[in-house]
Amino acid sequence: MAISQPFLNSIIETLPKGSTILEFGSGHGTKRLVDLGYVVYSVEQNMDWVGKYHNNYCHAPLKNGWYDIDIVNEFIKEREYDALLIDGPAAGERLKILESNVTFETLIFVDDIERPKDRELFNLLRKNKQFDDKNTYGIIYPT
């Protein structure tokens, strides 16, 4: 499933074009972001999506319910990003992102927060920060 048009509109309204997004879970929305002028680093479990829309993919198969954390940490260690987009893994434990070296001191977009586990992640990440809860997705602003 691609990110919804309202979600895409929120990204456009919140994040200047040309900004860099670290995306967990690639799909049709990735193409839309690239076409709009964003630089996207994509962490993806499914080889069918790797390399589909740009040259900044990291193939990280699922391991223990999330992307292989060692592969993810190696991929992100020297990369800077203006925003984090959490929309994957498609079938996995998104809460495990908290065990990675991802920095959460940036603008964060979390999709699928109508799902209890994704809502839990959103609630943990938004603690003591300003945020917008859009029912199916959320935006968390850096402090």
Foldseek 3Di string as FASTA:
>chain_A
DADDPVLVVVCPVPPPAQFEEEEEDDDPNVQVNVVSRYHYAYEAQDPVRQPPRDPRYQHFHDDPFAGPQVSVQVSPVPDDGQEYEYDDDPGGQSLCVVVHPDDLQHKYKQFQCLDPRSVVSVVVSQVPFDKDCPNGMIITHHD
